[in-house]
C-alpha cells in the first residue's frame, strides 16, 4: 500500500509551497492478506476508464494498528 500523507500542517507552509510537507509511506499488505489480518476489496466506480481504488479493512482480532511504516 502506498500512502501519501501531510506531515506538516498547512498553517506552517507558505501559500506558494503547499506541496512541501507531504510524505510517502509504503506498507507491504501481502503478508497481512496471507495471514488474514487485512482484506482488500475493490471500490466499484462508474466509467470504464477510472483508476483502480481499493478499500483496506482490518480483520477482527488483527493488529494492523501496530503496522510499522
Protein backbone atom coordinates (compact mmCIF):
# COMPACT_ATOMS: atom_id res chain seq x y z
CA UNK A 1 0.00 0.00 0.00
CA UNK A 2 1.29 3.43 -0.86
CA UNK A 3 0.03 6.26 1.33
CA UNK A 4 0.53 9.96 0.74
CA UNK A 5 0.09 11.92 3.97
CA UNK A 6 0.52 15.51 5.02
CA UNK A 7 3.11 15.55 7.79
CA UNK A 8 3.42 19.33 8.08
CA UNK A 9 0.28 21.35 8.88
CA UNK A 10 -0.88 23.69 6.10
CA UNK A 11 -0.75 26.58 8.55
CA UNK A 12 3.05 26.20 8.73
CA UNK A 13 3.57 26.43 4.95
CA UNK A 14 3.78 29.38 2.62
CA UNK A 15 0.89 29.51 0.11
CA UNK A 16 3.28 29.02 -2.81
CA UNK A 17 4.84 25.87 -1.27
CA UNK A 18 1.83 23.73 -0.37
CA UNK A 19 3.36 20.62 -1.95
CA UNK A 20 6.01 20.60 0.77
CA UNK A 21 5.31 18.73 3.96
CA UNK A 22 3.97 15.66 2.16
CA UNK A 23 5.42 12.25 2.96
CA UNK A 24 5.10 8.98 1.06
CA UNK A 25 4.80 5.74 3.06
CA UNK A 26 4.83 2.15 1.87
CA UNK A 27 3.45 -0.87 3.73
CA UNK A 28 3.53 -4.42 2.39
CA UNK A 29 -0.03 -5.69 2.75
CA UNK A 30 0.67 -9.05 1.09
CA UNK A 31 1.72 -10.56 4.42
CA UNK A 32 -1.37 -9.22 6.16
CA UNK A 33 -3.57 -10.67 3.42
CA UNK A 34 -1.84 -14.07 3.64
CA UNK A 35 -2.26 -14.16 7.42
CA UNK A 36 -5.88 -12.99 7.23
CA UNK A 37 -5.24 -9.79 9.19
CA UNK A 38 -6.49 -7.47 6.43
CA UNK A 39 -8.81 -7.76 3.47
CA UNK A 40 -8.70 -5.69 0.33
CA UNK A 41 -11.91 -5.04 -1.58
CA UNK A 42 -12.22 -3.09 -4.84
CA UNK A 43 -14.25 0.11 -4.83
CA UNK A 44 -16.56 -0.05 -7.84
CA UNK A 45 -16.84 3.19 -9.79
CA UNK A 46 -18.78 4.36 -12.80
CA UNK A 47 -16.91 4.56 -16.08
CA UNK A 48 -14.54 2.14 -17.68
CA UNK A 49 -11.53 4.45 -17.64
CA UNK A 50 -11.45 5.20 -13.93
CA UNK A 51 -8.37 4.18 -11.98
CA UNK A 52 -8.41 1.29 -9.56
CA UNK A 53 -9.16 2.06 -5.93
CA UNK A 54 -9.42 -0.36 -3.04
CA UNK A 55 -10.80 -0.40 0.46
CA UNK A 56 -8.48 -1.91 3.08
CA UNK A 57 -10.33 -3.45 6.00
CA UNK A 58 -8.91 -4.62 9.29
CA UNK A 59 -9.94 -8.17 10.07
CA UNK A 60 -11.38 -8.89 13.53
CA UNK A 61 -8.72 -9.58 16.15
CA UNK A 62 -5.93 -8.31 13.93
CA UNK A 63 -3.14 -5.97 14.83
CA UNK A 64 -2.96 -3.71 11.77
CA UNK A 65 -2.82 -0.77 14.19
CA UNK A 66 0.68 -1.97 15.08
CA UNK A 67 1.81 -1.88 11.41
CA UNK A 68 5.10 -0.05 11.08
CA UNK A 69 5.50 2.34 8.18
